[in-house]
Amino acid sequence: MINTVSIQGIKGSFHHIVAKTYFGDAVVIDECLSFDTLVDNLLNKKSDVAVMAIENSIAGSILPNYALIDKYNLHIIGEHYLDIQHNLMALPGQTISDIKEVHSHPMALLQCKKFFKNYPNIKLVEDKDTAETAQRISENNLKGIAAIASKTAADIFGLDILAESIQTIKENQTRFVIVKTKNSVLDESEINKASLRFELDHKRGSLASVLNVLSDCRMNLTKIQSLPIIEKPWQYSFFVNVTFTDYENYKKARTILEIMAKEFKVLGEYKNGKL
């Protein structure tokens, strides 16, 4: 049974929205100001499970989180795709003309940069977290300062939304993974996606051979990401996501890759969150 969920950020953040959507309102939220703290709390059993952003449709992969999952042998037990809508918010009664500075996470500021070209007098200030900025504006009654955050953050901290969906690219999704210290106990009939990690020899065609195995076993490769191996200069580990309709085909591919690849690891077997 899931009782406590660790998230990066505070209530009102996009991680918070995912935790509540995935697990329901009854769970206790463990707020962490960094992904390192999130992993520590999971390993120390302060929480039962954690929510981690892993990639964004605009910005791409969040490589440090791949490394954390690998280093601490975490298991992906599920995933959730969230439509990211950035909203400009400030204390009640203010308008955009009253705003002198906008504070938010660097990625949020980057994704909304085009909107602020129409407001050259507004200074953009990088901050640690979207929701935390909204909280600070509310608690300190900061006039003339706005935040970019979710509608949930505006509701929690009593801020007015001055402009909705100000991100430049309107189709903006982030993939979040649900991680535990132990593997999932899903029935094989429910599993149709897997995350794998492996290393390969520096030989011509080694990666092509792996891709051929996946194709021959009817795996759909939805993601491939390389990451440097810190202890081995100029060598890389590969992280792949595959989807499938027949678990037996996946088991066949997994068995072959265990033989072909070095340091082969299953990071998770779970339900495809994007159907």
Protein backbone atom coordinates (compact mmCIF):
# COMPACT_ATOMS: atom_id res chain seq x y z
CA MET A 1 0.00 0.00 0.00
CA ILE A 2 1.28 3.46 -0.94
CA ASN A 3 1.09 5.95 1.94
CA THR A 4 3.81 8.54 1.27
CA VAL A 5 5.02 9.85 -2.09
CA SER A 6 8.21 11.89 -2.49
CA ILE A 7 8.14 14.68 -5.07
CA GLN A 8 10.67 17.23 -6.26
CA GLY A 9 9.30 20.61 -5.28
CA ILE A 10 6.34 21.57 -3.11
CA LYS A 11 2.57 21.28 -3.31
CA GLY A 12 1.35 23.03 -6.41
CA SER A 13 4.30 21.82 -8.48
CA PHE A 14 3.86 19.63 -11.54
CA HIS A 15 5.32 16.69 -9.57
CA HIS A 16 2.57 17.23 -6.99
CA ILE A 17 -0.10 17.18 -9.70
CA VAL A 18 1.25 13.87 -11.03
CA ALA A 19 1.40 12.31 -7.55
CA LYS A 20 -2.22 13.21 -6.83
CA THR A 21 -3.41 12.12 -10.28
CA TYR A 22 -1.58 8.79 -10.12
CA PHE A 23 -2.19 7.84 -6.47
CA GLY A 24 -5.23 9.90 -5.43
CA ASP A 25 -5.74 12.58 -2.79
CA ALA A 26 -5.28 10.30 0.23
CA VAL A 27 -1.49 9.94 -0.07
CA VAL A 28 0.90 12.00 2.06
CA ILE A 29 3.22 14.21 -0.01
CA ASP A 30 6.90 14.38 0.96
CA GLU A 31 8.24 17.66 -0.43
CA CYS A 32 11.89 17.56 -1.54
CA LEU A 33 13.88 20.53 -2.80
CA SER A 34 16.14 18.35 -4.95
CA PHE A 35 16.09 15.01 -6.73
CA ASP A 36 19.03 13.90 -4.57
CA THR A 37 16.93 14.46 -1.44
CA LEU A 38 14.02 12.65 -3.09
CA VAL A 39 16.18 9.58 -3.70
CA ASP A 40 17.62 9.71 -0.16
CA ASN A 41 14.13 9.77 1.34
CA LEU A 42 13.13 6.81 -0.79
CA LEU A 43 16.21 4.79 0.16
CA ASN A 44 15.77 5.68 3.85
CA LYS A 45 12.13 4.55 3.70
CA LYS A 46 10.79 8.00 4.57
CA SER A 47 8.55 7.50 1.55
CA ASP A 48 7.12 4.44 -0.20
CA VAL A 49 7.50 5.69 -3.74
CA ALA A 50 8.73 8.73 -5.65
CA VAL A 51 7.73 10.72 -8.73
CA MET A 52 10.55 11.88 -11.02
CA ALA A 53 10.41 13.91 -14.23
CA ILE A 54 12.49 12.07 -16.82
CA GLU A 55 11.97 13.87 -20.13
CA ASN A 56 10.14 16.77 -21.74
CA SER A 57 8.76 16.92 -25.27
CA ILE A 58 10.51 20.26 -25.84
CA ALA A 59 13.67 20.14 -23.70
CA GLY A 60 14.44 16.42 -24.07
CA SER A 61 15.84 14.02 -21.47
CA ILE A 62 16.68 14.95 -17.89
CA LEU A 63 20.00 13.12 -17.86
CA PRO A 64 20.83 13.46 -14.13
CA ASN A 65 17.64 11.56 -13.28
CA TYR A 66 18.60 8.68 -15.58
CA ALA A 67 21.89 8.55 -13.68
CA LEU A 68 20.17 8.57 -10.27
CA ILE A 69 17.84 5.72 -11.20
CA ASP A 70 20.78 3.68 -12.47
CA LYS A 71 23.21 4.47 -9.64
CA TYR A 72 20.80 3.63 -6.82
CA ASN A 73 19.15 0.64 -8.56
CA LEU A 74 15.69 2.16 -8.46
CA HIS A 75 12.84 0.40 -10.23
CA ILE A 76 10.36 2.12 -12.53
CA ILE A 77 6.90 0.77 -11.70
CA GLY A 78 4.84 3.18 -13.80
CA GLU A 79 4.77 6.41 -15.79
CA HIS A 80 2.54 9.41 -16.35
CA TYR A 81 2.48 12.02 -19.11
CA LEU A 82 1.42 15.50 -18.01
CA ASP A 83 0.40 18.36 -20.26
CA ILE A 84 2.47 21.29 -18.97
CA GLN A 85 0.58 24.57 -18.98
CA HIS A 86 2.51 27.62 -17.74
CA ASN A 87 0.46 30.42 -16.22
CA LEU A 88 1.52 33.91 -15.13
CA MET A 89 0.27 34.71 -11.62
CA ALA A 90 0.58 37.42 -9.00
CA LEU A 91 -1.10 38.81 -5.88
CA PRO A 92 -4.82 39.59 -6.31
CA GLY A 93 -5.67 43.00 -7.73
CA GLN A 94 -2.56 43.36 -9.87
CA THR A 95 -2.30 43.53 -13.65
CA ILE A 96 0.57 42.76 -16.00
CA SER A 97 1.40 46.48 -16.14
CA ASP A 98 2.15 46.33 -12.38
CA ILE A 99 4.71 43.55 -12.78
CA LYS A 100 8.41 44.46 -12.69
CA GLU A 101 9.91 40.96 -12.30
CA VAL A 102 8.88 37.38 -13.09
CA HIS A 103 10.53 34.60 -11.09
CA SER A 104 10.42 30.91 -12.00
CA HIS A 105 12.40 27.79 -12.82
CA PRO A 106 14.86 28.38 -15.72
CA MET A 107 13.05 25.86 -17.94
CA ALA A 108 9.70 27.57 -17.41
CA LEU A 109 11.23 30.95 -18.25
CA LEU A 110 12.82 29.52 -21.38
CA GLN A 111 9.58 27.93 -22.54
CA CYS A 112 7.73 31.25 -22.12
CA LYS A 113 10.41 33.55 -23.52
CA LYS A 114 8.41 34.61 -26.59
CA PHE A 115 5.49 35.82 -24.44
CA PHE A 116 7.72 38.27 -22.58
CA LYS A 117 9.05 39.87 -25.77
CA ASN A 118 5.86 41.91 -25.60
CA TYR A 119 6.84 43.12 -22.12
CA PRO A 120 10.48 44.33 -22.40
CA ASN A 121 10.29 46.16 -19.07
CA ILE A 122 9.74 42.90 -17.14
CA LYS A 123 12.91 41.34 -15.76
CA LEU A 124 13.08 37.52 -15.87
CA VAL A 125 14.71 35.99 -12.78
CA GLU A 126 15.70 32.34 -12.50
CA ASP A 127 14.52 30.54 -9.37
CA LYS A 128 14.60 27.02 -7.93
CA ASP A 129 10.99 25.95 -8.40
CA THR A 130 7.78 27.16 -10.02
CA ALA A 131 5.42 26.50 -7.11
CA GLU A 132 7.90 27.64 -4.46
CA THR A 133 8.09 31.02 -6.18
CA ALA A 134 4.30 31.31 -6.10
CA GLN A 135 4.33 30.40 -2.40
CA ARG A 136 6.94 33.07 -1.59
CA ILE A 137 4.97 35.78 -3.40
CA SER A 138 1.88 34.85 -1.43
CA GLU A 139 3.48 34.48 2.01
CA ASN A 140 5.60 37.64 1.74
CA ASN A 141 2.94 39.72 -0.02
CA LEU A 142 5.38 40.58 -2.81
CA LYS A 143 3.85 43.17 -5.09
CA GLY A 144 5.27 43.82 -8.53
CA ILE A 145 6.58 40.24 -8.77
CA ALA A 146 4.88 37.42 -10.66
CA ALA A 147 5.47 33.68 -10.93
CA ILE A 148 5.10 31.16 -13.73
CA ALA A 149 3.46 28.05 -12.34
CA SER A 150 0.48 25.71 -12.54
CA LYS A 151 -3.16 26.62 -11.93
CA THR A 152 -2.98 24.33 -8.92
CA ALA A 153 -0.26 26.57 -7.44
CA ALA A 154 -2.42 29.66 -8.01
CA ASP A 155 -5.34 27.97 -6.21
CA ILE A 156 -3.22 26.77 -3.26
CA PHE A 157 -1.46 30.10 -2.69
CA GLY A 158 -4.35 32.43 -3.51
CA LEU A 159 -2.84 34.14 -6.54
CA ASP A 160 -4.61 35.61 -9.56
CA ILE A 161 -3.76 34.28 -12.99
CA LEU A 162 -2.81 37.23 -15.21
CA ALA A 163 -2.31 35.16 -18.38
CA GLU A 164 -2.98 31.49 -19.13
CA SER A 165 -0.91 29.02 -21.16
CA ILE A 166 1.90 31.44 -21.97
CA GLN A 167 4.35 28.77 -23.15
CA THR A 168 5.56 29.30 -26.72
CA ILE A 169 4.86 25.74 -27.86
CA LYS A 170 1.36 24.84 -26.77
CA GLU A 171 1.86 21.07 -27.00
CA ASN A 172 4.26 20.67 -24.09
CA GLN A 173 4.33 17.35 -22.24
CA THR A 174 6.59 15.95 -19.55
CA ARG A 175 7.00 12.24 -18.91
CA PHE A 176 7.24 11.33 -15.23
CA VAL A 177 8.27 7.94 -13.90
CA ILE A 178 7.09 6.34 -10.68
CA VAL A 179 10.02 4.71 -8.88
CA LYS A 180 10.49 2.38 -5.91
CA THR A 181 13.41 0.55 -4.34
CA LYS A 182 11.83 -2.79 -5.30
CA ASN A 183 10.43 -4.01 -8.58
CA SER A 184 6.75 -3.93 -9.41
CA VAL A 185 4.52 -6.91 -8.86
CA LEU A 186 2.31 -6.34 -11.90
CA ASP A 187 0.92 -9.41 -13.62
CA GLU A 188 2.66 -10.15 -16.92
CA SER A 189 -0.62 -9.61 -18.76
CA GLU A 190 -0.63 -5.96 -17.63
CA ILE A 191 2.97 -5.17 -18.64
CA ASN A 192 3.48 -3.66 -22.10
CA LYS A 193 6.48 -1.38 -21.62
CA ALA A 194 10.01 -1.81 -20.26
CA SER A 195 13.02 0.39 -19.52
CA LEU A 196 16.42 -1.25 -20.04
CA ARG A 197 20.04 -0.25 -19.51
CA PHE A 198 23.15 -1.86 -20.99
CA GLU A 199 26.72 -1.30 -22.17
CA LEU A 200 28.31 -2.46 -25.44
CA ASP A 201 31.78 -3.28 -26.69
CA HIS A 202 33.46 -0.81 -29.04
CA LYS A 203 32.87 -2.97 -32.08
CA ARG A 204 31.40 -2.14 -35.45
CA GLY A 205 27.71 -2.94 -35.56
CA SER A 206 27.29 -3.71 -31.85
CA LEU A 207 24.42 -1.26 -31.38
CA ALA A 208 22.89 -2.25 -34.72
CA SER A 209 22.86 -5.87 -33.56
CA VAL A 210 20.90 -4.92 -30.43
CA LEU A 211 18.40 -2.92 -32.47
CA ASN A 212 17.95 -5.87 -34.83
CA VAL A 213 17.12 -8.13 -31.87
CA LEU A 214 14.49 -5.67 -30.67
CA SER A 215 13.01 -5.48 -34.16
CA ASP A 216 13.03 -9.25 -34.67
CA CYS A 217 11.24 -9.72 -31.33
CA ARG A 218 8.56 -7.18 -32.32
CA MET A 219 9.67 -4.53 -29.85
CA ASN A 220 8.77 -0.91 -30.59
CA LEU A 221 11.74 1.27 -29.59
CA THR A 222 10.27 4.49 -28.15
CA LYS A 223 13.45 5.92 -26.63
CA ILE A 224 17.21 5.48 -26.84
CA GLN A 225 19.53 7.61 -24.74
CA SER A 226 23.29 7.33 -24.25
CA LEU A 227 25.04 8.47 -21.08
CA PRO A 228 28.80 8.67 -20.42
CA ILE A 229 30.20 6.14 -17.95
CA ILE A 230 32.14 8.34 -15.52
CA GLU A 231 34.64 5.66 -14.55
CA LYS A 232 35.30 4.68 -18.19
CA PRO A 233 36.26 7.68 -20.37
CA TRP A 234 34.67 7.65 -23.84
CA GLN A 235 32.48 4.68 -23.03
CA TYR A 236 28.72 4.92 -22.81
CA SER A 237 25.73 3.18 -21.32
CA PHE A 238 22.49 3.01 -23.28
CA PHE A 239 19.02 3.50 -21.86
CA VAL A 240 16.14 2.27 -24.00
CA ASN A 241 12.37 2.11 -23.65
CA VAL A 242 10.43 -0.52 -25.57
CA THR A 243 6.73 -1.17 -25.90
CA PHE A 244 5.15 -4.46 -26.92
CA THR A 245 1.85 -6.32 -27.11
CA ASP A 246 3.14 -9.81 -26.26
CA TYR A 247 5.11 -10.28 -23.03
CA GLU A 248 6.60 -13.52 -24.35
CA ASN A 249 8.23 -11.61 -27.22
CA TYR A 250 9.68 -9.20 -24.69
CA LYS A 251 11.02 -12.06 -22.54
CA LYS A 252 12.73 -13.50 -25.61
CA ALA A 253 14.37 -10.14 -26.41
CA ARG A 254 15.43 -9.70 -22.78
CA THR A 255 17.04 -13.14 -22.67
CA ILE A 256 19.04 -12.49 -25.85
CA LEU A 257 20.18 -9.04 -24.69
CA GLU A 258 21.34 -10.45 -21.37
CA ILE A 259 23.81 -12.54 -23.38
CA MET A 260 24.77 -9.93 -25.99
CA ALA A 261 25.18 -6.80 -23.88
CA LYS A 262 27.42 -5.97 -20.94
CA GLU A 263 26.03 -4.81 -17.59
CA PHE A 264 22.47 -5.46 -18.76
CA LYS A 265 19.84 -4.21 -16.32
CA VAL A 266 16.04 -4.05 -16.32
CA LEU A 267 15.11 -0.65 -14.86
CA GLY A 268 11.41 -1.36 -14.92
CA GLU A 269 8.52 -3.32 -16.44
CA TYR A 270 5.21 -1.49 -16.30
CA LYS A 271 2.09 -0.24 -18.08
CA ASN A 272 2.51 2.15 -21.00
CA GLY A 273 1.23 5.51 -19.79
CA LYS A 274 0.76 6.92 -23.30
CA LEU A 275 -1.73 4.77 -25.19
